[in-house]
Amino acid sequence: CISATDDSTYYADSVKGRFTISQEFAKNTVVL
């Protein structure tokens, strides 16, 4: 999950260190 307020990110333990979530505002897209 990625927050709109502070851009904090959260990951399930099972994917931590392997997955990265980010926002691409110009493309109105969230990437995993």
PDB file of all heavy atoms in Angstrom:
ATOM      1  N   CYS A   1       0.848  -1.188   0.000  1.00  0.00           N
ATOM      2  CA  CYS A   1       0.000   0.000   0.000  1.00  0.00           C
ATOM      3  C   CYS A   1       0.881   1.235   0.000  1.00  0.00           C
ATOM      4  O   CYS A   1       1.980   1.226   0.574  1.00  0.00           O
ATOM      5  CB  CYS A   1      -0.917  -0.004   1.223  1.00  0.00           C
ATOM      6  SG  CYS A   1      -2.127   1.340   1.267  1.00  0.00           S
ATOM      7  N   ILE A   2       0.392   2.285  -0.637  1.00  0.00           N
ATOM      8  CA  ILE A   2       1.088   3.561  -0.618  1.00  0.00           C
ATOM      9  C   ILE A   2       0.088   4.643  -0.260  1.00  0.00           C
ATOM     10  O   ILE A   2      -1.015   4.704  -0.799  1.00  0.00           O
ATOM     11  CB  ILE A   2       1.803   3.847  -1.959  1.00  0.00           C
ATOM     12  CG1 ILE A   2       2.659   5.108  -1.847  1.00  0.00           C
ATOM     13  CG2 ILE A   2       0.818   3.941  -3.118  1.00  0.00           C
ATOM     14  CD1 ILE A   2       3.696   5.223  -2.959  1.00  0.00           C
ATOM     15  N   SER A   3       0.494   5.498   0.673  1.00  0.00           N
ATOM     16  CA  SER A   3      -0.380   6.535   1.192  1.00  0.00           C
ATOM     17  C   SER A   3      -0.287   7.803   0.361  1.00  0.00           C
ATOM     18  O   SER A   3       0.781   8.155  -0.146  1.00  0.00           O
ATOM     19  CB  SER A   3      -0.016   6.838   2.650  1.00  0.00           C
ATOM     20  OG  SER A   3      -0.730   7.948   3.142  1.00  0.00           O
ATOM     21  N   ALA A   4      -1.408   8.507   0.235  1.00  0.00           N
ATOM     22  CA  ALA A   4      -1.426   9.782  -0.465  1.00  0.00           C
ATOM     23  C   ALA A   4      -0.971  10.929   0.419  1.00  0.00           C
ATOM     24  O   ALA A   4      -0.528  11.960  -0.088  1.00  0.00           O
ATOM     25  CB  ALA A   4      -2.821  10.073  -1.001  1.00  0.00           C
ATOM     26  N   THR A   5      -1.072  10.783   1.730  1.00  0.00           N
ATOM     27  CA  THR A   5      -0.783  11.869   2.640  1.00  0.00           C
ATOM     28  C   THR A   5       0.705  12.106   2.830  1.00  0.00           C
ATOM     29  O   THR A   5       1.162  13.247   2.844  1.00  0.00           O
ATOM     30  CB  THR A   5      -1.430  11.624   4.004  1.00  0.00           C
ATOM     31  OG1 THR A   5      -1.029  10.347   4.501  1.00  0.00           O
ATOM     32  CG2 THR A   5      -2.945  11.669   3.882  1.00  0.00           C
ATOM     33  N   ASP A   6       1.454  11.051   3.008  1.00  0.00           N
ATOM     34  CA  ASP A   6       2.885  11.179   3.256  1.00  0.00           C
ATOM     35  C   ASP A   6       3.730  10.247   2.403  1.00  0.00           C
ATOM     36  O   ASP A   6       4.939  10.143   2.623  1.00  0.00           O
ATOM     37  CB  ASP A   6       3.205  10.956   4.731  1.00  0.00           C
ATOM     38  CG  ASP A   6       2.753   9.605   5.243  1.00  0.00           C
ATOM     39  OD1 ASP A   6       2.284   8.774   4.430  1.00  0.00           O
ATOM     40  OD2 ASP A   6       2.865   9.358   6.463  1.00  0.00           O
ATOM     41  N   ASP A   7       3.110   9.573   1.461  1.00  0.00           N
ATOM     42  CA  ASP A   7       3.781   8.642   0.558  1.00  0.00           C
ATOM     43  C   ASP A   7       4.423   7.476   1.291  1.00  0.00           C
ATOM     44  O   ASP A   7       5.330   6.827   0.755  1.00  0.00           O
ATOM     45  CB  ASP A   7       4.832   9.363  -0.295  1.00  0.00           C
ATOM     46  CG  ASP A   7       4.233  10.430  -1.178  1.00  0.00           C
ATOM     47  OD1 ASP A   7       3.081  10.264  -1.620  1.00  0.00           O
ATOM     48  OD2 ASP A   7       4.924  11.433  -1.441  1.00  0.00           O
ATOM     49  N   SER A   8       3.961   7.214   2.490  1.00  0.00           N
ATOM     50  CA  SER A   8       4.449   6.055   3.217  1.00  0.00           C
ATOM     51  C   SER A   8       4.043   4.786   2.484  1.00  0.00           C
ATOM     52  O   SER A   8       2.967   4.710   1.892  1.00  0.00           O
ATOM     53  CB  SER A   8       3.888   6.039   4.638  1.00  0.00           C
ATOM     54  OG  SER A   8       4.338   7.152   5.381  1.00  0.00           O
ATOM     55  N   THR A   9       4.908   3.811   2.536  1.00  0.00           N
ATOM     56  CA  THR A   9       4.646   2.538   1.879  1.00  0.00           C
ATOM     57  C   THR A   9       4.631   1.414   2.901  1.00  0.00           C
ATOM     58  O   THR A   9       5.316   1.473   3.923  1.00  0.00           O
ATOM     59  CB  THR A   9       5.688   2.236   0.803  1.00  0.00           C
ATOM     60  OG1 THR A   9       7.003   2.258   1.391  1.00  0.00           O
ATOM     61  CG2 THR A   9       5.629   3.265  -0.306  1.00  0.00           C
ATOM     62  N   TYR A  10       3.864   0.384   2.589  1.00  0.00           N
ATOM     63  CA  TYR A  10       3.712  -0.757   3.471  1.00  0.00           C
ATOM     64  C   TYR A  10       3.748  -2.019   2.641  1.00  0.00           C
ATOM     65  O   TYR A  10       3.245  -2.053   1.526  1.00  0.00           O
ATOM     66  CB  TYR A  10       2.395  -0.657   4.250  1.00  0.00           C
ATOM     67  CG  TYR A  10       2.276   0.617   5.037  1.00  0.00           C
ATOM     68  CD1 TYR A  10       1.749   1.759   4.457  1.00  0.00           C
ATOM     69  CD2 TYR A  10       2.721   0.676   6.356  1.00  0.00           C
ATOM     70  CE1 TYR A  10       1.659   2.946   5.165  1.00  0.00           C
ATOM     71  CE2 TYR A  10       2.630   1.860   7.073  1.00  0.00           C
ATOM     72  CZ  TYR A  10       2.102   2.985   6.478  1.00  0.00           C
ATOM     73  OH  TYR A  10       2.012   4.158   7.181  1.00  0.00           O
ATOM     74  N   TYR A  11       4.334  -3.056   3.222  1.00  0.00           N
ATOM     75  CA  TYR A  11       4.482  -4.315   2.523  1.00  0.00           C
ATOM     76  C   TYR A  11       4.165  -5.474   3.444  1.00  0.00           C
ATOM     77  O   TYR A  11       4.505  -5.455   4.631  1.00  0.00           O
ATOM     78  CB  TYR A  11       5.913  -4.486   2.003  1.00  0.00           C
ATOM     79  CG  TYR A  11       6.341  -3.414   1.039  1.00  0.00           C
ATOM     80  CD1 TYR A  11       7.015  -2.281   1.489  1.00  0.00           C
ATOM     81  CD2 TYR A  11       6.072  -3.538  -0.323  1.00  0.00           C
ATOM     82  CE1 TYR A  11       7.403  -1.295   0.599  1.00  0.00           C
ATOM     83  CE2 TYR A  11       6.467  -2.543  -1.212  1.00  0.00           C
ATOM     84  CZ  TYR A  11       7.128  -1.429  -0.749  1.00  0.00           C
ATOM     85  OH  TYR A  11       7.523  -0.449  -1.625  1.00  0.00           O
ATOM     86  N   ALA A  12       3.518  -6.458   2.895  1.00  0.00           N
ATOM     87  CA  ALA A  12       3.351  -7.694   3.622  1.00  0.00           C
ATOM     88  C   ALA A  12       4.714  -8.333   3.846  1.00  0.00           C
ATOM     89  O   ALA A  12       5.627  -8.197   3.026  1.00  0.00           O
ATOM     90  CB  ALA A  12       2.443  -8.648   2.847  1.00  0.00           C
ATOM     91  N   ASP A  13       4.850  -9.025   4.953  1.00  0.00           N
ATOM     92  CA  ASP A  13       6.125  -9.654   5.262  1.00  0.00           C
ATOM     93  C   ASP A  13       6.584 -10.597   4.150  1.00  0.00           C
ATOM     94  O   ASP A  13       7.785 -10.728   3.893  1.00  0.00           O
ATOM     95  CB  ASP A  13       6.029 -10.422   6.582  1.00  0.00           C
ATOM     96  CG  ASP A  13       5.942  -9.516   7.788  1.00  0.00           C
ATOM     97  OD1 ASP A  13       6.319  -8.330   7.683  1.00  0.00           O
ATOM     98  OD2 ASP A  13       5.501  -9.993   8.854  1.00  0.00           O
ATOM     99  N   SER A  14       5.651 -11.219   3.491  1.00  0.00           N
ATOM    100  CA  SER A  14       5.979 -12.200   2.476  1.00  0.00           C
ATOM    101  C   SER A  14       6.624 -11.591   1.230  1.00  0.00           C
ATOM    102  O   SER A  14       7.266 -12.306   0.459  1.00  0.00           O
ATOM    103  CB  SER A  14       4.729 -12.988   2.073  1.00  0.00           C
ATOM    104  OG  SER A  14       3.727 -12.121   1.572  1.00  0.00           O
ATOM    105  N   VAL A  15       6.468 -10.291   1.038  1.00  0.00           N
ATOM    106  CA  VAL A  15       7.013  -9.649  -0.155  1.00  0.00           C
ATOM    107  C   VAL A  15       8.037  -8.580   0.173  1.00  0.00           C
ATOM    108  O   VAL A  15       8.654  -8.024  -0.748  1.00  0.00           O
ATOM    109  CB  VAL A  15       5.900  -9.038  -1.025  1.00  0.00           C
ATOM    110  CG1 VAL A  15       4.833 -10.072  -1.338  1.00  0.00           C
ATOM    111  CG2 VAL A  15       5.282  -7.819  -0.345  1.00  0.00           C
ATOM    112  N   LYS A  16       8.236  -8.305   1.427  1.00  0.00           N
ATOM    113  CA  LYS A  16       9.157  -7.252   1.845  1.00  0.00           C
ATOM    114  C   LYS A  16      10.558  -7.531   1.319  1.00  0.00           C
ATOM    115  O   LYS A  16      11.075  -8.640   1.444  1.00  0.00           O
ATOM    116  CB  LYS A  16       9.154  -7.142   3.371  1.00  0.00           C
ATOM    117  CG  LYS A  16       9.635  -5.824   3.920  1.00  0.00           C
ATOM    118  CD  LYS A  16       9.361  -5.733   5.428  1.00  0.00           C
ATOM    119  CE  LYS A  16       7.870  -5.787   5.735  1.00  0.00           C
ATOM    120  NZ  LYS A  16       7.590  -5.682   7.192  1.00  0.00           N
ATOM    121  N   GLY A  17      11.156  -6.519   0.734  1.00  0.00           N
ATOM    122  CA  GLY A  17      12.477  -6.655   0.161  1.00  0.00           C
ATOM    123  C   GLY A  17      12.484  -7.120  -1.281  1.00  0.00           C
ATOM    124  O   GLY A  17      13.533  -7.050  -1.944  1.00  0.00           O
ATOM    125  N   ARG A  18      11.351  -7.582  -1.769  1.00  0.00           N
ATOM    126  CA  ARG A  18      11.255  -8.063  -3.149  1.00  0.00           C
ATOM    127  C   ARG A  18      10.351  -7.176  -4.002  1.00  0.00           C
ATOM    128  O   ARG A  18      10.598  -7.030  -5.196  1.00  0.00           O
ATOM    129  CB  ARG A  18      10.728  -9.495  -3.186  1.00  0.00           C
ATOM    130  CG  ARG A  18      11.616 -10.487  -2.444  1.00  0.00           C
ATOM    131  CD  ARG A  18      11.146 -11.924  -2.674  1.00  0.00           C
ATOM    132  NE  ARG A  18       9.803 -12.155  -2.143  1.00  0.00           N
ATOM    133  CZ  ARG A  18       8.760 -12.536  -2.876  1.00  0.00           C
ATOM    134  NH1 ARG A  18       8.900 -12.731  -4.183  1.00  0.00           N
ATOM    135  NH2 ARG A  18       7.578 -12.740  -2.302  1.00  0.00           N
ATOM    136  N   PHE A  19       9.312  -6.629  -3.401  1.00  0.00           N
ATOM    137  CA  PHE A  19       8.355  -5.798  -4.124  1.00  0.00           C
ATOM    138  C   PHE A  19       8.548  -4.342  -3.740  1.00  0.00           C
ATOM    139  O   PHE A  19       8.891  -4.023  -2.595  1.00  0.00           O
ATOM    140  CB  PHE A  19       6.918  -6.199  -3.788  1.00  0.00           C
ATOM    141  CG  PHE A  19       6.488  -7.550  -4.295  1.00  0.00           C
ATOM    142  CD1 PHE A  19       7.391  -8.440  -4.852  1.00  0.00           C
ATOM    143  CD2 PHE A  19       5.151  -7.918  -4.212  1.00  0.00           C
ATOM    144  CE1 PHE A  19       6.990  -9.679  -5.313  1.00  0.00           C
ATOM    145  CE2 PHE A  19       4.738  -9.157  -4.669  1.00  0.00           C
ATOM    146  CZ  PHE A  19       5.655 -10.043  -5.214  1.00  0.00           C
ATOM    147  N   THR A  20       8.294  -3.464  -4.684  1.00  0.00           N
ATOM    148  CA  THR A  20       8.367  -2.033  -4.440  1.00  0.00           C
ATOM    149  C   THR A  20       7.144  -1.358  -5.043  1.00  0.00           C
ATOM    150  O   THR A  20       6.833  -1.574  -6.217  1.00  0.00           O
ATOM    151  CB  THR A  20       9.636  -1.415  -5.045  1.00  0.00           C
ATOM    152  OG1 THR A  20      10.793  -2.070  -4.519  1.00  0.00           O
ATOM    153  CG2 THR A  20       9.712   0.072  -4.722  1.00  0.00           C
ATOM    154  N   ILE A  21       6.454  -0.556  -4.243  1.00  0.00           N
ATOM    155  CA  ILE A  21       5.295   0.182  -4.726  1.00  0.00           C
ATOM    156  C   ILE A  21       5.681   1.647  -4.894  1.00  0.00           C
ATOM    157  O   ILE A  21       6.441   2.192  -4.097  1.00  0.00           O
ATOM    158  CB  ILE A  21       4.095   0.025  -3.767  1.00  0.00           C
ATOM    159  CG1 ILE A  21       2.815   0.579  -4.393  1.00  0.00           C
ATOM    160  CG2 ILE A  21       4.373   0.670  -2.418  1.00  0.00           C
ATOM    161  CD1 ILE A  21       1.551   0.229  -3.606  1.00  0.00           C
ATOM    162  N   SER A  22       5.166   2.274  -5.931  1.00  0.00           N
ATOM    163  CA  SER A  22       5.490   3.663  -6.194  1.00  0.00           C
ATOM    164  C   SER A  22       4.365   4.325  -6.965  1.00  0.00           C
ATOM    165  O   SER A  22       3.527   3.656  -7.568  1.00  0.00           O
ATOM    166  CB  SER A  22       6.815   3.787  -6.956  1.00  0.00           C
ATOM    167  OG  SER A  22       6.740   3.130  -8.207  1.00  0.00           O
ATOM    168  N   GLN A  23       4.372   5.642  -6.941  1.00  0.00           N
ATOM    169  CA  GLN A  23       3.380   6.440  -7.651  1.00  0.00           C
ATOM    170  C   GLN A  23       4.026   7.111  -8.856  1.00  0.00           C
ATOM    171  O   GLN A  23       5.131   7.638  -8.759  1.00  0.00           O
ATOM    172  CB  GLN A  23       2.789   7.514  -6.736  1.00  0.00           C
ATOM    173  CG  GLN A  23       2.084   6.980  -5.504  1.00  0.00           C
ATOM    174  CD  GLN A  23       1.987   8.019  -4.410  1.00  0.00           C
ATOM    175  OE1 GLN A  23       2.942   8.732  -4.127  1.00  0.00           O
ATOM    176  NE2 GLN A  23       0.819   8.107  -3.779  1.00  0.00           N
ATOM    177  N   GLU A  24       3.344   7.097  -9.954  1.00  0.00           N
ATOM    178  CA  GLU A  24       3.737   7.860 -11.132  1.00  0.00           C
ATOM    179  C   GLU A  24       2.613   8.853 -11.408  1.00  0.00           C
ATOM    180  O   GLU A  24       1.674   8.557 -12.145  1.00  0.00           O
ATOM    181  CB  GLU A  24       3.994   6.943 -12.313  1.00  0.00           C
ATOM    182  CG  GLU A  24       5.155   5.982 -12.088  1.00  0.00           C
ATOM    183  CD  GLU A  24       5.495   5.157 -13.306  1.00  0.00           C
ATOM    184  OE1 GLU A  24       4.754   5.211 -14.308  1.00  0.00           O
ATOM    185  OE2 GLU A  24       6.521   4.443 -13.262  1.00  0.00           O
ATOM    186  N   PHE A  25       2.725  10.013 -10.803  1.00  0.00           N
ATOM    187  CA  PHE A  25       1.641  10.978 -10.827  1.00  0.00           C
ATOM    188  C   PHE A  25       1.309  11.443 -12.231  1.00  0.00           C
ATOM    189  O   PHE A  25       0.140  11.651 -12.562  1.00  0.00           O
ATOM    190  CB  PHE A  25       1.982  12.176  -9.933  1.00  0.00           C
ATOM    191  CG  PHE A  25       1.961  11.874  -8.472  1.00  0.00           C
ATOM    192  CD1 PHE A  25       3.140  11.632  -7.781  1.00  0.00           C
ATOM    193  CD2 PHE A  25       0.774  11.829  -7.775  1.00  0.00           C
ATOM    194  CE1 PHE A  25       3.125  11.347  -6.424  1.00  0.00           C
ATOM    195  CE2 PHE A  25       0.745  11.550  -6.422  1.00  0.00           C
ATOM    196  CZ  PHE A  25       1.923  11.303  -5.746  1.00  0.00           C
ATOM    197  N   ALA A  26       2.324  11.629 -13.053  1.00  0.00           N
ATOM    198  CA  ALA A  26       2.094  12.112 -14.405  1.00  0.00           C
ATOM    199  C   ALA A  26       1.267  11.139 -15.222  1.00  0.00           C
ATOM    200  O   ALA A  26       0.588  11.535 -16.171  1.00  0.00           O
ATOM    201  CB  ALA A  26       3.423  12.394 -15.102  1.00  0.00           C
ATOM    202  N   LYS A  27       1.348   9.873 -14.877  1.00  0.00           N
ATOM    203  CA  LYS A  27       0.614   8.841 -15.593  1.00  0.00           C
ATOM    204  C   LYS A  27      -0.600   8.343 -14.823  1.00  0.00           C
ATOM    205  O   LYS A  27      -1.269   7.413 -15.273  1.00  0.00           O
ATOM    206  CB  LYS A  27       1.538   7.661 -15.902  1.00  0.00           C
ATOM    207  CG  LYS A  27       2.712   8.009 -16.802  1.00  0.00           C
ATOM    208  CD  LYS A  27       3.582   6.786 -17.052  1.00  0.00           C
ATOM    209  CE  LYS A  27       4.754   7.123 -17.955  1.00  0.00           C
ATOM    210  NZ  LYS A  27       5.621   5.941 -18.192  1.00  0.00           N
ATOM    211  N   ASN A  28      -0.878   8.962 -13.684  1.00  0.00           N
ATOM    212  CA  ASN A  28      -1.993   8.531 -12.841  1.00  0.00           C
ATOM    213  C   ASN A  28      -1.928   7.030 -12.585  1.00  0.00           C
ATOM    214  O   ASN A  28      -2.924   6.309 -12.722  1.00  0.00           O
ATOM    215  CB  ASN A  28      -3.333   8.904 -13.476  1.00  0.00           C
ATOM    216  CG  ASN A  28      -3.517  10.390 -13.636  1.00  0.00           C
ATOM    217  OD1 ASN A  28      -3.147  11.158 -12.747  1.00  0.00           O
ATOM    218  ND2 ASN A  28      -4.086  10.811 -14.750  1.00  0.00           N
ATOM    219  N   THR A  29      -0.750   6.592 -12.192  1.00  0.00           N
ATOM    220  CA  THR A  29      -0.498   5.166 -12.081  1.00  0.00           C
ATOM    221  C   THR A  29       0.249   4.839 -10.798  1.00  0.00           C
ATOM    222  O   THR A  29       1.135   5.578 -10.375  1.00  0.00           O
ATOM    223  CB  THR A  29       0.317   4.676 -13.290  1.00  0.00           C
ATOM    224  OG1 THR A  29      -0.426   4.902 -14.490  1.00  0.00           O
ATOM    225  CG2 THR A  29       0.640   3.196 -13.184  1.00  0.00           C
ATOM    226  N   VAL A  30      -0.130   3.731 -10.198  1.00  0.00           N
ATOM    227  CA  VAL A  30       0.636   3.142  -9.115  1.00  0.00           C
ATOM    228  C   VAL A  30       1.277   1.872  -9.658  1.00  0.00           C
ATOM    229  O   VAL A  30       0.607   1.044 -10.273  1.00  0.00           O
ATOM    230  CB  VAL A  30      -0.238   2.830  -7.890  1.00  0.00           C
ATOM    231  CG1 VAL A  30       0.530   1.964  -6.885  1.00  0.00           C
ATOM    232  CG2 VAL A  30      -0.687   4.123  -7.224  1.00  0.00           C
ATOM    233  N   VAL A  31       2.563   1.742  -9.425  1.00  0.00           N
ATOM    234  CA  VAL A  31       3.326   0.625  -9.949  1.00  0.00           C
ATOM    235  C   VAL A  31       3.735  -0.296  -8.814  1.00  0.00           C
ATOM    236  O   VAL A  31       4.133   0.153  -7.739  1.00  0.00           O
ATOM    237  CB  VAL A  31       4.577   1.124 -10.704  1.00  0.00           C
ATOM    238  CG1 VAL A  31       5.523  -0.033 -11.026  1.00  0.00           C
ATOM    239  CG2 VAL A  31       4.171   1.848 -11.972  1.00  0.00           C
ATOM    240  N   LEU A  32       3.624  -1.576  -9.061  1.00  0.00           N
ATOM    241  CA  LEU A  32       4.158  -2.584  -8.155  1.00  0.00           C
ATOM    242  C   LEU A  32       5.237  -3.341  -8.904  1.00  0.00           C
ATOM    243  O   LEU A  32       4.942  -4.151  -9.782  1.00  0.00           O
ATOM    244  CB  LEU A  32       3.066  -3.537  -7.664  1.00  0.00           C
ATOM    245  CG  LEU A  32       3.512  -4.571  -6.628  1.00  0.00           C
ATOM    246  CD1 LEU A  32       3.862  -3.880  -5.300  1.00  0.00           C
ATOM    247  CD2 LEU A  32       2.438  -5.624  -6.397  1.00  0.00           C
TER     248      LEU A  32
END
